N, C-alpha and C. Protein backbone atom coordinates (compact mmCIF):
# COMPACT_ATOMS: atom_id res chain seq x y z
N MET A 1 59.55 -44.61 -16.57
CA MET A 1 58.74 -43.49 -16.16
C MET A 1 59.42 -42.86 -14.95
N LYS A 2 59.75 -41.60 -15.05
CA LYS A 2 60.48 -40.89 -14.01
C LYS A 2 59.53 -39.97 -13.24
N SER A 3 59.68 -39.99 -11.95
CA SER A 3 58.87 -39.12 -11.09
C SER A 3 59.38 -37.68 -11.14
N ASN A 4 58.45 -36.75 -11.25
CA ASN A 4 58.77 -35.32 -11.20
C ASN A 4 58.42 -34.74 -9.83
N LEU A 5 58.07 -35.58 -8.89
CA LEU A 5 57.57 -35.10 -7.61
C LEU A 5 58.58 -34.22 -6.87
N LYS A 6 59.82 -34.63 -6.82
CA LYS A 6 60.82 -33.86 -6.08
C LYS A 6 60.93 -32.44 -6.64
N GLU A 7 61.00 -32.33 -7.96
CA GLU A 7 61.11 -31.02 -8.59
C GLU A 7 59.87 -30.16 -8.31
N LEU A 8 58.70 -30.77 -8.43
CA LEU A 8 57.45 -30.03 -8.19
C LEU A 8 57.34 -29.59 -6.72
N ARG A 9 57.73 -30.50 -5.84
CA ARG A 9 57.67 -30.20 -4.40
C ARG A 9 58.64 -29.09 -4.05
N ASN A 10 59.88 -29.19 -4.53
CA ASN A 10 60.90 -28.16 -4.25
C ASN A 10 60.51 -26.81 -4.84
N LYS A 11 59.94 -26.83 -6.02
CA LYS A 11 59.52 -25.60 -6.68
C LYS A 11 58.49 -24.83 -5.84
N ARG A 12 57.70 -25.58 -5.09
CA ARG A 12 56.67 -24.96 -4.24
C ARG A 12 57.13 -24.79 -2.79
N GLY A 13 58.38 -25.18 -2.52
CA GLY A 13 58.94 -24.98 -1.18
C GLY A 13 58.31 -25.86 -0.11
N ILE A 14 57.93 -27.07 -0.47
CA ILE A 14 57.30 -28.00 0.47
C ILE A 14 58.26 -29.14 0.76
N SER A 15 58.49 -29.45 2.02
CA SER A 15 59.38 -30.56 2.39
C SER A 15 58.65 -31.90 2.23
N GLN A 16 59.43 -32.97 2.23
CA GLN A 16 58.83 -34.31 2.19
C GLN A 16 57.90 -34.51 3.38
N ASN A 17 58.34 -34.07 4.56
CA ASN A 17 57.51 -34.21 5.77
C ASN A 17 56.19 -33.46 5.63
N GLU A 18 56.27 -32.22 5.14
CA GLU A 18 55.05 -31.42 4.98
C GLU A 18 54.09 -32.07 3.99
N LEU A 19 54.62 -32.51 2.85
CA LEU A 19 53.78 -33.13 1.83
C LEU A 19 53.14 -34.40 2.36
N ALA A 20 53.93 -35.22 3.03
CA ALA A 20 53.40 -36.47 3.59
C ALA A 20 52.24 -36.17 4.54
N SER A 21 52.41 -35.16 5.37
CA SER A 21 51.36 -34.77 6.31
C SER A 21 50.12 -34.25 5.58
N LEU A 22 50.34 -33.44 4.57
CA LEU A 22 49.22 -32.85 3.82
C LEU A 22 48.38 -33.88 3.07
N VAL A 23 49.02 -34.94 2.61
CA VAL A 23 48.30 -35.96 1.83
C VAL A 23 48.05 -37.24 2.62
N ASP A 24 48.33 -37.19 3.91
CA ASP A 24 48.05 -38.31 4.81
C ASP A 24 48.74 -39.60 4.39
N THR A 25 50.07 -39.50 4.21
CA THR A 25 50.87 -40.68 3.91
C THR A 25 52.17 -40.57 4.69
N THR A 26 53.09 -41.48 4.44
CA THR A 26 54.36 -41.47 5.17
C THR A 26 55.45 -40.77 4.36
N VAL A 27 56.46 -40.31 5.06
CA VAL A 27 57.62 -39.71 4.40
C VAL A 27 58.29 -40.76 3.52
N ARG A 28 58.31 -42.00 3.98
CA ARG A 28 58.90 -43.10 3.20
C ARG A 28 58.21 -43.24 1.85
N THR A 29 56.89 -43.08 1.81
CA THR A 29 56.15 -43.18 0.55
C THR A 29 56.57 -42.05 -0.39
N ILE A 30 56.65 -40.83 0.14
CA ILE A 30 57.07 -39.69 -0.67
C ILE A 30 58.48 -39.93 -1.20
N TYR A 31 59.37 -40.39 -0.33
CA TYR A 31 60.74 -40.70 -0.71
C TYR A 31 60.75 -41.77 -1.83
N SER A 32 59.96 -42.82 -1.68
CA SER A 32 59.91 -43.90 -2.67
C SER A 32 59.45 -43.40 -4.02
N ILE A 33 58.50 -42.51 -4.01
CA ILE A 33 58.01 -41.95 -5.28
C ILE A 33 59.11 -41.13 -5.95
N GLU A 34 59.79 -40.32 -5.15
CA GLU A 34 60.82 -39.43 -5.69
C GLU A 34 62.09 -40.15 -6.13
N VAL A 35 62.59 -41.04 -5.30
CA VAL A 35 63.89 -41.66 -5.55
C VAL A 35 63.78 -42.96 -6.33
N GLU A 36 62.80 -43.76 -5.98
CA GLU A 36 62.67 -45.08 -6.60
C GLU A 36 61.68 -45.09 -7.75
N ASN A 37 61.08 -43.92 -8.03
CA ASN A 37 60.07 -43.81 -9.09
C ASN A 37 58.93 -44.80 -8.89
N LYS A 38 58.57 -44.99 -7.63
CA LYS A 38 57.50 -45.92 -7.29
C LYS A 38 56.16 -45.43 -7.85
N ASN A 39 55.41 -46.34 -8.46
CA ASN A 39 54.06 -46.01 -8.91
C ASN A 39 53.16 -45.91 -7.70
N ILE A 40 52.16 -45.05 -7.79
CA ILE A 40 51.27 -44.83 -6.66
C ILE A 40 49.82 -44.98 -7.06
N HIS A 41 48.98 -45.23 -6.07
CA HIS A 41 47.55 -45.35 -6.28
C HIS A 41 47.01 -44.01 -6.78
N ILE A 42 46.05 -44.05 -7.67
CA ILE A 42 45.51 -42.84 -8.27
C ILE A 42 44.94 -41.88 -7.21
N GLY A 43 44.38 -42.42 -6.13
CA GLY A 43 43.86 -41.56 -5.07
C GLY A 43 44.94 -40.71 -4.44
N LEU A 44 46.09 -41.32 -4.15
CA LEU A 44 47.21 -40.59 -3.58
C LEU A 44 47.77 -39.62 -4.61
N ALA A 45 47.84 -40.04 -5.86
CA ALA A 45 48.33 -39.15 -6.91
C ALA A 45 47.46 -37.90 -7.01
N ARG A 46 46.17 -38.06 -6.91
CA ARG A 46 45.26 -36.90 -6.96
C ARG A 46 45.50 -35.98 -5.77
N LYS A 47 45.66 -36.55 -4.58
CA LYS A 47 45.91 -35.72 -3.40
C LYS A 47 47.20 -34.91 -3.56
N ILE A 48 48.24 -35.58 -4.05
CA ILE A 48 49.53 -34.91 -4.25
C ILE A 48 49.39 -33.82 -5.31
N ALA A 49 48.75 -34.16 -6.42
CA ALA A 49 48.57 -33.18 -7.50
C ALA A 49 47.78 -31.96 -7.00
N ASN A 50 46.73 -32.19 -6.24
CA ASN A 50 45.94 -31.08 -5.70
C ASN A 50 46.78 -30.22 -4.77
N CYS A 51 47.56 -30.87 -3.94
CA CYS A 51 48.41 -30.15 -2.99
C CYS A 51 49.46 -29.31 -3.70
N LEU A 52 49.99 -29.83 -4.80
CA LEU A 52 51.04 -29.14 -5.55
C LEU A 52 50.49 -28.28 -6.69
N ASN A 53 49.15 -28.24 -6.79
CA ASN A 53 48.50 -27.44 -7.82
C ASN A 53 48.99 -27.79 -9.22
N CYS A 54 48.95 -29.10 -9.51
CA CYS A 54 49.36 -29.57 -10.82
C CYS A 54 48.43 -30.72 -11.22
N SER A 55 48.63 -31.27 -12.39
CA SER A 55 47.82 -32.42 -12.82
C SER A 55 48.52 -33.72 -12.40
N VAL A 56 47.78 -34.80 -12.40
CA VAL A 56 48.36 -36.11 -12.09
C VAL A 56 49.44 -36.44 -13.12
N ASP A 57 49.20 -36.12 -14.37
CA ASP A 57 50.19 -36.39 -15.42
C ASP A 57 51.49 -35.65 -15.18
N ASP A 58 51.43 -34.49 -14.52
CA ASP A 58 52.64 -33.72 -14.24
C ASP A 58 53.56 -34.43 -13.24
N LEU A 59 53.03 -35.36 -12.47
CA LEU A 59 53.82 -36.04 -11.45
C LEU A 59 54.87 -36.97 -12.04
N TYR A 60 54.65 -37.44 -13.25
CA TYR A 60 55.59 -38.36 -13.89
C TYR A 60 55.99 -37.85 -15.26
N ASP A 61 57.21 -38.17 -15.65
CA ASP A 61 57.71 -37.85 -16.98
C ASP A 61 57.63 -39.13 -17.79
N PHE A 62 56.74 -39.14 -18.76
CA PHE A 62 56.57 -40.32 -19.59
C PHE A 62 57.55 -40.33 -20.76
N GLY A 63 58.34 -39.27 -20.87
CA GLY A 63 59.32 -39.19 -21.95
C GLY A 63 58.63 -39.18 -23.29
N ASP A 64 59.34 -39.66 -24.29
CA ASP A 64 58.78 -39.72 -25.63
C ASP A 64 57.86 -40.91 -25.81
N GLU A 65 57.94 -41.85 -24.88
CA GLU A 65 57.15 -43.05 -25.03
C GLU A 65 55.71 -42.81 -24.60
N THR A 66 54.81 -43.48 -25.25
CA THR A 66 53.42 -43.44 -24.84
C THR A 66 53.23 -44.54 -23.80
N HIS A 67 52.06 -44.62 -23.27
CA HIS A 67 51.80 -45.66 -22.27
C HIS A 67 52.00 -47.04 -22.89
N THR A 68 52.62 -47.90 -22.13
CA THR A 68 52.95 -49.22 -22.66
C THR A 68 51.73 -50.12 -22.62
N LEU A 69 51.84 -51.21 -23.35
CA LEU A 69 50.78 -52.20 -23.36
C LEU A 69 50.55 -52.74 -21.95
N THR A 70 51.62 -52.88 -21.18
CA THR A 70 51.50 -53.35 -19.80
C THR A 70 50.67 -52.38 -18.97
N ASP A 71 50.91 -51.09 -19.13
CA ASP A 71 50.12 -50.09 -18.42
C ASP A 71 48.65 -50.21 -18.76
N LYS A 72 48.37 -50.35 -20.05
CA LYS A 72 46.98 -50.46 -20.49
C LYS A 72 46.34 -51.74 -19.96
N ALA A 73 47.07 -52.83 -20.02
CA ALA A 73 46.53 -54.11 -19.54
C ALA A 73 46.24 -54.04 -18.04
N LEU A 74 47.14 -53.46 -17.29
CA LEU A 74 46.95 -53.33 -15.85
C LEU A 74 45.74 -52.44 -15.57
N TRP A 75 45.64 -51.34 -16.26
CA TRP A 75 44.49 -50.45 -16.12
C TRP A 75 43.20 -51.20 -16.41
N PHE A 76 43.18 -51.95 -17.52
CA PHE A 76 41.99 -52.71 -17.91
C PHE A 76 41.59 -53.69 -16.81
N VAL A 77 42.56 -54.41 -16.27
CA VAL A 77 42.28 -55.39 -15.21
C VAL A 77 41.65 -54.72 -13.99
N HIS A 78 42.20 -53.60 -13.57
CA HIS A 78 41.65 -52.89 -12.41
C HIS A 78 40.23 -52.39 -12.68
N VAL A 79 40.01 -51.84 -13.85
CA VAL A 79 38.68 -51.33 -14.18
C VAL A 79 37.67 -52.47 -14.21
N VAL A 80 38.04 -53.58 -14.83
CA VAL A 80 37.13 -54.73 -14.90
C VAL A 80 36.84 -55.27 -13.50
N ARG A 81 37.86 -55.35 -12.66
CA ARG A 81 37.66 -55.85 -11.29
C ARG A 81 36.67 -54.99 -10.52
N TYR A 82 36.85 -53.68 -10.59
CA TYR A 82 35.92 -52.78 -9.88
C TYR A 82 34.52 -52.85 -10.48
N THR A 83 34.44 -52.97 -11.80
CA THR A 83 33.13 -53.07 -12.45
C THR A 83 32.44 -54.37 -12.03
N ALA A 84 33.20 -55.46 -11.99
CA ALA A 84 32.63 -56.75 -11.57
C ALA A 84 32.06 -56.67 -10.16
N GLU A 85 32.76 -56.00 -9.28
CA GLU A 85 32.27 -55.83 -7.91
C GLU A 85 30.96 -55.04 -7.89
N LEU A 86 30.89 -54.00 -8.69
CA LEU A 86 29.69 -53.15 -8.72
C LEU A 86 28.48 -53.87 -9.28
N ILE A 87 28.69 -54.68 -10.30
CA ILE A 87 27.54 -55.36 -10.91
C ILE A 87 27.33 -56.76 -10.33
N ASP A 88 28.17 -57.10 -9.35
CA ASP A 88 28.05 -58.38 -8.64
C ASP A 88 28.09 -59.58 -9.58
N LYS A 89 29.11 -59.57 -10.45
CA LYS A 89 29.31 -60.68 -11.37
C LYS A 89 30.78 -61.09 -11.33
N PRO A 90 31.09 -62.32 -11.70
CA PRO A 90 32.49 -62.74 -11.74
C PRO A 90 33.27 -61.92 -12.78
N ILE A 91 34.56 -61.82 -12.59
CA ILE A 91 35.41 -61.03 -13.48
C ILE A 91 35.33 -61.53 -14.92
N ARG A 92 35.35 -62.84 -15.10
CA ARG A 92 35.29 -63.41 -16.45
C ARG A 92 33.99 -63.01 -17.15
N GLU A 93 32.88 -63.11 -16.44
CA GLU A 93 31.59 -62.73 -17.02
C GLU A 93 31.54 -61.23 -17.31
N THR A 94 32.09 -60.45 -16.41
CA THR A 94 32.12 -58.99 -16.61
C THR A 94 32.94 -58.65 -17.85
N THR A 95 34.08 -59.31 -18.01
CA THR A 95 34.92 -59.08 -19.19
C THR A 95 34.14 -59.39 -20.46
N LYS A 96 33.42 -60.50 -20.47
CA LYS A 96 32.62 -60.87 -21.65
C LYS A 96 31.53 -59.84 -21.93
N LEU A 97 30.88 -59.35 -20.87
CA LEU A 97 29.85 -58.32 -21.05
C LEU A 97 30.45 -57.04 -21.64
N LEU A 98 31.63 -56.67 -21.14
CA LEU A 98 32.29 -55.47 -21.65
C LEU A 98 32.70 -55.64 -23.11
N GLU A 99 33.17 -56.83 -23.45
CA GLU A 99 33.55 -57.10 -24.84
C GLU A 99 32.33 -57.08 -25.75
N LYS A 100 31.26 -57.75 -25.32
CA LYS A 100 30.02 -57.83 -26.10
C LYS A 100 29.41 -56.46 -26.34
N SER A 101 29.51 -55.60 -25.35
CA SER A 101 28.91 -54.27 -25.45
C SER A 101 29.80 -53.27 -26.18
N GLY A 102 31.04 -53.66 -26.47
CA GLY A 102 31.98 -52.76 -27.13
C GLY A 102 32.71 -51.85 -26.15
N LEU A 103 32.43 -52.00 -24.87
CA LEU A 103 33.04 -51.14 -23.87
C LEU A 103 34.48 -51.54 -23.55
N ALA A 104 34.83 -52.80 -23.76
CA ALA A 104 36.21 -53.23 -23.51
C ALA A 104 37.17 -52.45 -24.40
N GLU A 105 36.81 -52.33 -25.66
CA GLU A 105 37.65 -51.57 -26.60
C GLU A 105 37.68 -50.10 -26.21
N ALA A 106 36.56 -49.59 -25.74
CA ALA A 106 36.51 -48.18 -25.32
C ALA A 106 37.43 -47.92 -24.13
N ILE A 107 37.52 -48.89 -23.23
CA ILE A 107 38.40 -48.74 -22.06
C ILE A 107 39.84 -48.59 -22.53
N LEU A 108 40.25 -49.46 -23.44
CA LEU A 108 41.64 -49.44 -23.92
C LEU A 108 41.92 -48.25 -24.84
N SER A 109 40.99 -47.94 -25.72
CA SER A 109 41.23 -46.83 -26.64
C SER A 109 41.17 -45.49 -25.92
N GLY A 110 40.43 -45.42 -24.83
CA GLY A 110 40.33 -44.18 -24.07
C GLY A 110 41.32 -44.09 -22.94
N TYR A 111 42.26 -45.02 -22.89
CA TYR A 111 43.21 -45.07 -21.77
C TYR A 111 43.93 -43.75 -21.56
N GLY A 112 44.38 -43.12 -22.63
CA GLY A 112 45.13 -41.88 -22.50
C GLY A 112 44.37 -40.79 -21.78
N THR A 113 43.06 -40.80 -21.93
CA THR A 113 42.21 -39.81 -21.26
C THR A 113 41.75 -40.32 -19.91
N TRP A 114 41.40 -41.59 -19.85
CA TRP A 114 40.75 -42.13 -18.66
C TRP A 114 41.69 -42.55 -17.55
N HIS A 115 42.98 -42.78 -17.83
CA HIS A 115 43.85 -43.36 -16.81
C HIS A 115 44.01 -42.45 -15.60
N THR A 116 43.70 -41.16 -15.76
CA THR A 116 43.80 -40.27 -14.60
C THR A 116 42.56 -40.32 -13.73
N GLN A 117 41.53 -40.99 -14.20
CA GLN A 117 40.31 -41.16 -13.41
C GLN A 117 40.50 -42.36 -12.48
N GLY A 118 39.88 -42.35 -11.37
CA GLY A 118 39.96 -43.48 -10.46
C GLY A 118 39.24 -44.69 -11.01
N PHE A 119 39.67 -45.87 -10.60
CA PHE A 119 39.03 -47.09 -11.06
C PHE A 119 37.56 -47.12 -10.67
N GLU A 120 37.26 -46.61 -9.46
CA GLU A 120 35.90 -46.61 -8.98
C GLU A 120 35.01 -45.76 -9.89
N TYR A 121 35.52 -44.61 -10.29
CA TYR A 121 34.77 -43.72 -11.18
C TYR A 121 34.49 -44.41 -12.51
N MET A 122 35.51 -45.04 -13.06
CA MET A 122 35.35 -45.72 -14.33
C MET A 122 34.37 -46.88 -14.22
N ALA A 123 34.44 -47.62 -13.12
CA ALA A 123 33.52 -48.74 -12.92
C ALA A 123 32.08 -48.25 -12.85
N GLU A 124 31.84 -47.15 -12.16
CA GLU A 124 30.49 -46.58 -12.08
C GLU A 124 30.00 -46.20 -13.49
N THR A 125 30.86 -45.58 -14.26
CA THR A 125 30.51 -45.18 -15.63
C THR A 125 30.18 -46.41 -16.47
N LEU A 126 31.00 -47.44 -16.36
CA LEU A 126 30.77 -48.66 -17.13
C LEU A 126 29.51 -49.37 -16.70
N LYS A 127 29.25 -49.40 -15.40
CA LYS A 127 28.02 -50.01 -14.89
C LYS A 127 26.81 -49.32 -15.51
N ASP A 128 26.83 -48.00 -15.51
CA ASP A 128 25.73 -47.23 -16.09
C ASP A 128 25.58 -47.50 -17.59
N GLU A 129 26.71 -47.58 -18.30
CA GLU A 129 26.68 -47.87 -19.73
C GLU A 129 26.12 -49.26 -20.01
N LEU A 130 26.53 -50.23 -19.20
CA LEU A 130 26.01 -51.60 -19.38
C LEU A 130 24.51 -51.65 -19.15
N LYS A 131 24.03 -50.90 -18.16
CA LYS A 131 22.58 -50.84 -17.91
C LYS A 131 21.84 -50.21 -19.09
N GLU A 132 22.39 -49.10 -19.61
CA GLU A 132 21.76 -48.42 -20.73
C GLU A 132 21.72 -49.31 -21.97
N ARG A 133 22.74 -50.10 -22.14
CA ARG A 133 22.82 -50.98 -23.32
C ARG A 133 22.13 -52.32 -23.06
N VAL A 134 21.47 -52.46 -21.93
CA VAL A 134 20.69 -53.62 -21.53
C VAL A 134 21.51 -54.91 -21.50
N PHE A 135 22.71 -54.80 -20.96
CA PHE A 135 23.55 -55.98 -20.80
C PHE A 135 23.50 -56.50 -19.36
N ILE A 136 22.99 -55.68 -18.42
CA ILE A 136 22.82 -56.16 -17.05
C ILE A 136 21.45 -55.75 -16.55
């Protein structure tokens, strides 16, 4: 996965220093994203995308490949962890509740759409769904 940040930033005439200041991060972080293709937290990605007037997906070039199983698994783990915190249950129990309710499959099948949402947002949505389905 290649970062498009440098091209997007240059296209808009914004320096690394300016962007770092605008999104409240360090120049080193901006450099790491651009040169080392470092993955970033979705919150920072949103700030950068808003600043550059683009989508979060525009920040990276996924090439011809779709999201890997590793990406999906990592996404799933983060969503489950945040959901577990919200419903005050252990991660293992939360995973079982999500599987039983059919929401675990929804998380993975909706990854292409949902991965741009923050984990906190997804956890809130899942908490509400679990309540509606009377699992918590």
